Protein backbone atom coordinates (compact mmCIF):
# COMPACT_ATOMS: atom_id res chain seq x y z
CA MET A 1 0.04 0.15 -0.13
CA SER A 2 1.26 3.65 -1.52
CA LEU A 3 2.08 6.25 1.89
CA GLU A 4 -0.87 8.12 0.80
CA ARG A 5 -3.18 5.32 0.65
CA GLN A 6 -1.94 4.91 4.04
CA ALA A 7 -2.93 8.37 5.32
CA GLN A 8 -6.13 8.30 3.86
CA ALA A 9 -7.00 4.94 5.50
CA TYR A 10 -5.39 6.65 8.88
CA VAL A 11 -7.56 9.59 8.54
CA LEU A 12 -10.57 7.71 7.36
CA LEU A 13 -9.93 5.29 10.42
CA SER A 14 -9.98 8.62 12.82
CA ALA A 15 -13.22 9.65 11.55
CA VAL A 16 -14.66 6.17 12.63
CA LEU A 17 -13.53 6.86 15.72
CA PHE A 18 -14.57 10.50 16.01
CA SER A 19 -18.24 9.05 15.02
CA THR A 20 -18.50 7.04 18.17
CA ALA A 21 -19.07 10.38 20.78
CA GLY A 22 -22.96 9.85 20.32
CA LEU A 23 -22.75 5.90 21.18
CA PHE A 24 -21.07 6.37 24.42
CA MET A 25 -23.11 9.28 25.06
CA GLY A 26 -26.19 7.34 24.61
CA LEU A 27 -24.29 4.64 27.38
CA ILE A 28 -23.16 6.84 29.70
CA ASP A 29 -25.88 8.28 32.26
CA THR A 30 -23.58 10.13 34.56
CA GLY A 31 -24.42 14.21 34.47
CA VAL A 32 -22.83 15.99 31.28
CA PHE A 33 -20.11 17.79 33.56
CA ALA A 34 -19.40 14.84 35.35
CA VAL A 35 -18.81 13.15 31.55
CA VAL A 36 -16.58 16.54 30.52
CA PHE A 37 -14.17 16.31 33.78
CA TRP A 38 -13.62 12.44 33.49
CA ARG A 39 -13.24 12.08 29.80
CA SER A 40 -10.70 15.26 29.86
CA LEU A 41 -9.28 13.49 33.01
CA PHE A 42 -8.67 10.18 31.17
CA ALA A 43 -8.07 12.08 27.84
CA VAL A 44 -5.05 14.09 29.70
CA ALA A 45 -3.82 10.55 31.04
CA PHE A 46 -3.75 9.09 27.51
CA THR A 47 -2.30 12.04 25.57
CA CYS A 48 0.47 12.57 28.27
CA THR A 49 1.42 8.68 27.65
CA LEU A 50 1.21 9.24 23.49
CA MET A 51 3.73 12.01 24.09
CA SER A 52 5.98 9.74 25.34
CA PHE A 53 6.19 7.64 22.12
CA VAL A 54 4.76 9.21 19.22
CA PRO A 55 7.58 12.39 18.20
CA ASP A 56 6.21 15.48 17.54
CA ARG A 57 8.20 18.68 15.89
CA GLY A 58 6.26 21.38 17.96
CA SER A 59 7.76 23.54 21.07
CA ILE A 60 7.18 21.65 24.38
CA LYS A 61 6.49 25.04 25.65
CA PRO A 62 2.75 26.63 25.17
CA ASP A 63 2.90 30.11 22.86
CA SER A 64 0.07 32.73 22.85
CA ALA A 65 -1.97 31.59 19.89
CA GLY A 66 -1.56 27.86 21.46
CA LEU A 67 -2.87 28.82 24.65
CA ALA A 68 -5.87 30.28 23.05
CA ALA A 69 -6.66 27.30 20.75
CA SER A 70 -6.19 25.09 24.17
CA LEU A 71 -9.25 27.27 25.98
CA LEU A 72 -11.59 27.10 22.79
CA SER A 73 -10.90 23.87 22.18
CA ALA A 74 -11.92 23.39 26.04
CA ALA A 75 -15.00 25.52 25.62
CA ALA A 76 -16.31 23.58 22.69
CA MET A 77 -15.98 19.97 24.78
CA LEU A 78 -18.02 21.94 27.42
CA ALA A 79 -20.90 22.93 24.61
CA PHE A 80 -19.84 19.29 22.57
CA ILE A 81 -20.95 17.03 25.49
CA PRO A 82 -24.64 18.89 26.89
CA ALA A 83 -25.35 19.02 22.73
CA LEU A 84 -25.35 15.60 22.13
CA ARG A 85 -27.76 14.91 25.26
CA LEU A 86 -30.44 17.74 24.07
CA THR A 87 -30.80 17.13 20.84
CA PHE A 88 -30.15 14.33 17.89
CA VAL A 89 -26.68 13.52 17.38
CA ALA A 90 -27.48 13.65 13.76
CA ASN A 91 -27.81 17.30 14.48
CA VAL A 92 -24.62 17.98 16.07
CA ALA A 93 -22.62 16.19 13.40
CA VAL A 94 -24.15 18.09 10.49
CA ILE A 95 -24.21 21.05 12.24
CA HIS A 96 -20.26 20.24 12.89
CA GLY A 97 -19.75 19.25 9.63
CA SER A 98 -20.06 22.53 8.36
CA LEU A 99 -16.58 23.38 9.89
CA PRO A 100 -14.48 23.79 6.96
CA LEU A 101 -17.15 26.69 6.22
CA LEU A 102 -16.96 28.16 9.41
CA THR A 103 -13.44 28.41 9.66
CA SER A 104 -12.70 30.52 6.45
CA LEU A 105 -15.49 32.67 6.94
CA LEU A 106 -14.00 33.60 11.10
CA ALA A 107 -10.83 33.74 9.23
CA TRP A 108 -11.88 36.29 6.91
CA LEU A 109 -13.86 38.51 10.23
CA THR A 110 -11.18 38.08 12.49
CA ILE A 111 -7.69 38.00 10.68
CA ARG A 112 -8.52 39.37 7.21
CA ASP A 113 -7.79 36.10 5.41
CA ARG A 114 -9.04 36.41 1.52
CA ILE A 115 -11.99 34.28 0.84
CA ALA A 116 -13.42 33.87 -2.16
CA LEU A 117 -17.22 35.04 -3.46
CA SER A 118 -17.84 31.55 -4.20
CA THR A 119 -17.04 30.39 -0.51
CA ALA A 120 -19.14 33.32 0.65
CA GLY A 121 -21.80 32.08 -1.21
CA LEU A 122 -21.23 28.56 0.25
CA CYS A 123 -21.14 29.67 3.72
CA GLY A 124 -24.47 31.19 3.05
CA MET A 125 -25.91 27.96 1.45
CA ALA A 126 -24.69 26.25 5.00
CA GLY A 127 -26.35 28.52 6.90
CA ILE A 128 -29.65 28.09 5.28
CA GLY A 129 -29.12 24.40 5.98
CA THR A 130 -28.46 25.27 9.70
CA VAL A 131 -31.63 27.22 9.52
CA VAL A 132 -33.29 23.69 8.05
CA ILE A 133 -31.94 22.06 11.06
CA PHE A 134 -33.02 24.30 13.82
CA SER A 135 -36.72 24.74 11.71
CA GLY A 136 -37.15 20.71 12.94
CA SER A 137 -36.09 21.58 16.57
CA ALA A 138 -38.40 24.49 16.95
CA SER A 139 -41.39 22.77 18.60
CA SER A 140 -38.63 21.46 21.56
CA GLY A 141 -36.91 24.05 23.83
CA PRO A 142 -34.15 21.12 24.75
CA ARG A 143 -33.48 20.35 20.97
CA LEU A 144 -33.25 24.19 20.05
CA ALA A 145 -30.90 24.48 22.72
CA GLY A 146 -28.67 21.37 21.64
CA ASP A 147 -28.65 22.80 18.33
CA GLY A 148 -27.57 25.63 19.59
CA LEU A 149 -24.68 24.42 21.45
CA ALA A 150 -23.59 22.91 18.74
CA LEU A 151 -23.40 25.67 16.40
CA LEU A 152 -21.73 27.44 19.32
CA MET A 153 -19.32 24.59 19.88
CA THR A 154 -18.74 24.75 15.79
CA VAL A 155 -18.23 28.32 15.89
CA LEU A 156 -15.35 27.36 18.92
CA MET A 157 -13.96 24.88 16.92
CA ALA A 158 -13.16 27.46 13.70
CA GLY A 159 -11.74 29.92 16.08
CA MET A 160 -9.52 26.80 17.61
CA THR A 161 -8.26 25.86 14.03
CA ILE A 162 -7.16 29.46 13.30
CA ALA A 163 -5.51 29.54 16.72
CA PHE A 164 -3.65 26.25 16.24
CA ARG A 165 -2.26 26.88 12.48
CA ARG A 166 -0.71 30.32 13.92
CA SER A 167 0.89 28.40 17.37
CA ASN A 168 4.20 26.63 17.34
CA ALA A 169 3.78 24.72 20.23
CA SER A 170 3.35 20.76 20.11
CA SER A 171 -0.16 19.54 18.75
CA LEU A 172 -0.31 16.47 21.76
CA LEU A 173 0.70 19.60 24.30
CA LEU A 174 -2.07 21.31 23.13
CA VAL A 175 -4.61 18.46 23.18
CA ALA A 176 -3.47 17.86 26.74
CA LEU A 177 -3.96 21.63 27.71
CA SER A 178 -7.41 21.79 26.45
CA ASN A 179 -8.34 18.82 28.17
CA GLY A 180 -7.04 19.93 31.07
CA PHE A 181 -8.52 23.27 30.70
CA ALA A 182 -12.22 21.20 30.07
CA GLY A 183 -11.53 19.07 33.10
CA ILE A 184 -11.00 21.66 35.27
CA ALA A 185 -14.17 23.11 34.23
CA GLY A 186 -16.66 20.49 34.57
CA ALA A 187 -15.13 19.74 38.07
CA MET A 188 -16.38 23.73 38.73
CA LEU A 189 -19.62 23.00 37.10
CA ALA A 190 -20.48 19.26 38.11
CA PRO A 191 -23.05 19.05 40.72
CA THR A 192 -21.31 15.57 41.82
CA LEU A 193 -18.23 13.91 40.32
CA GLN A 194 -19.14 10.31 41.93
CA VAL A 195 -19.43 7.59 38.81
CA SER A 196 -19.36 3.67 39.23
CA VAL A 197 -17.08 1.42 38.27
CA GLY A 198 -18.86 0.83 34.84
CA GLN A 199 -19.51 4.00 34.37
CA GLY A 200 -15.77 4.96 35.04
CA ALA A 201 -14.80 2.18 32.54
CA LEU A 202 -17.27 3.68 29.76
CA LEU A 203 -15.97 7.03 30.38
CA ALA A 204 -12.18 5.75 30.21
CA CYS A 205 -12.98 4.18 26.94
CA PHE A 206 -14.81 7.22 25.14
CA ALA A 207 -11.46 8.79 25.76
CA PHE A 208 -9.29 6.29 24.69
CA VAL A 209 -11.36 5.43 21.48
CA GLN A 210 -12.99 8.54 20.55
CA MET A 211 -10.42 11.35 21.70
CA THR A 212 -6.73 9.85 21.99
CA LEU A 213 -6.81 7.14 19.24
CA GLY A 214 -9.08 9.38 16.97
CA LEU A 215 -6.53 12.29 17.24
CA LEU A 216 -3.47 9.97 17.04
CA PHE A 217 -4.72 8.20 13.40
CA PHE A 218 -5.93 11.99 12.29
CA ALA A 219 -2.35 13.44 13.20
CA ILE A 220 -0.39 10.53 11.37
CA GLY A 221 -2.65 10.57 8.19
CA SER A 222 -2.82 14.25 7.75
CA ARG A 223 0.71 15.05 7.89
CA THR A 224 1.05 13.21 4.34
CA LEU A 225 -2.55 14.41 2.97
CA SER A 226 -3.54 17.95 2.17
CA PRO A 227 -5.82 19.76 4.42
CA GLY A 228 -8.75 19.97 1.99
CA GLU A 229 -8.11 15.92 1.23
CA ALA A 230 -7.99 15.54 5.32
CA ALA A 231 -11.33 17.54 5.62
CA LEU A 232 -13.23 15.75 2.89
CA ILE A 233 -12.20 12.30 4.39
CA SER A 234 -13.18 13.33 7.51
CA LEU A 235 -17.00 14.18 6.50
CA ALA A 236 -17.23 10.33 7.14
CA GLU A 237 -17.85 11.16 10.65
CA VAL A 238 -21.47 12.94 9.63
CA PRO A 239 -22.90 9.84 8.44
CA LEU A 240 -21.34 7.48 10.68
CA SER A 241 -22.29 9.26 13.61
CA ALA A 242 -25.95 8.76 12.62
CA LEU A 243 -25.52 5.50 11.71
CA TRP A 244 -24.15 4.26 15.17
CA VAL A 245 -27.22 5.64 17.22
CA TRP A 246 -29.69 4.56 14.83
CA LEU A 247 -28.11 0.70 14.80
CA ALA A 248 -27.79 1.20 18.94
CA PHE A 249 -31.02 3.32 20.02
CA SER A 250 -33.44 3.70 16.78
CA GLU A 251 -32.76 7.05 17.03
CA VAL A 252 -34.03 8.31 13.63
CA PRO A 253 -33.52 11.96 12.85
CA ALA A 254 -35.88 14.48 12.03
CA THR A 255 -37.03 15.30 8.17
CA GLU A 256 -35.38 19.03 8.73
CA THR A 257 -32.10 17.43 9.82
CA ILE A 258 -31.70 15.45 6.76
CA ALA A 259 -32.52 18.11 3.97
CA GLY A 260 -30.80 20.64 6.18
CA ALA A 261 -27.77 17.97 5.89
CA GLY A 262 -27.93 17.52 2.04
CA ILE A 263 -27.63 21.21 1.67
CA ILE A 264 -24.54 21.30 4.60
CA LEU A 265 -22.94 18.59 3.26
CA THR A 266 -23.29 19.66 -0.32
CA ALA A 267 -21.77 23.37 0.40
CA VAL A 268 -18.96 21.72 2.42
CA LEU A 269 -18.20 18.79 -0.63
CA VAL A 270 -18.22 21.83 -3.31
CA TYR A 271 -16.05 23.94 -1.31
CA LEU A 272 -13.48 21.05 -0.51
CA VAL A 273 -13.54 19.25 -3.76
CA SER A 274 -12.82 22.49 -5.81
CA PRO A 275 -9.33 23.06 -4.39
CA LEU A 276 -8.15 19.75 -5.08
CA LYS A 277 -9.43 19.98 -8.77
CA ARG A 278 -7.36 23.17 -9.02
CA ARG A 279 -4.61 21.64 -7.95
CA SER A 280 -5.17 18.27 -9.83
CA ARG A 281 -5.22 20.96 -13.32
CA ASN A 282 -1.66 22.89 -11.99
CA LEU A 283 -0.11 19.32 -11.88
CA GLU A 284 -1.41 18.23 -15.03
CA GLU A 285 -0.36 22.00 -16.83
């Protein structure tokens, strides 16, 4: 197998692992902020262990951009876990699928990165898809709040992506820091941190499978692939997230979610595939 094919397989495997978040949340009945605390605590332990074995070219000292990225990532975690409890897993996955477009839009608004008119149009298209998803939750206060948290989480992740690109710090160090910040916040917000042995084991598996291994395989694969290609393959997480909870819990997304997903994923796919086509034409020339 070629190096490129191996990299593609690693990124695809990371998408499969990332997609298990809704499945784990369906199996765990601990309070959301206790989940944030224990998941983050286990993730810090696993990530620090990885730092001993996986080479990372970044600095072992966090810079200001790295600290910003870690704080934004921690805030995104605090929105992500409650969102999975309040609304359909498919809603969270689809809204999060708009991350590449939101990142481009936020980069234009904050650091004045150039944005093509076509990209701005696709951002508007993704916005329409998000409104369609929200309309399906309008009759349910908790689901509407969950959709809002999923959108907030995606905006925070877009900010984290921008800050991460400007940081020279080790990626594993930033992951450990973000989980550390999230764990502290979870401990402060949780009414109780007590969990049973069985729930603790599930939380450890959640951190190891979805967070640690998913991150490791994505880091390995994305080093060889272009950002656009890695993001394109990562979109496999969207349908898989809905598939696992449908198979395990018979959770069927609303019609509006399916319609909104079609709009958002079409916009994101057009955005991601277009640069790849342009690069292919350049290589041929």
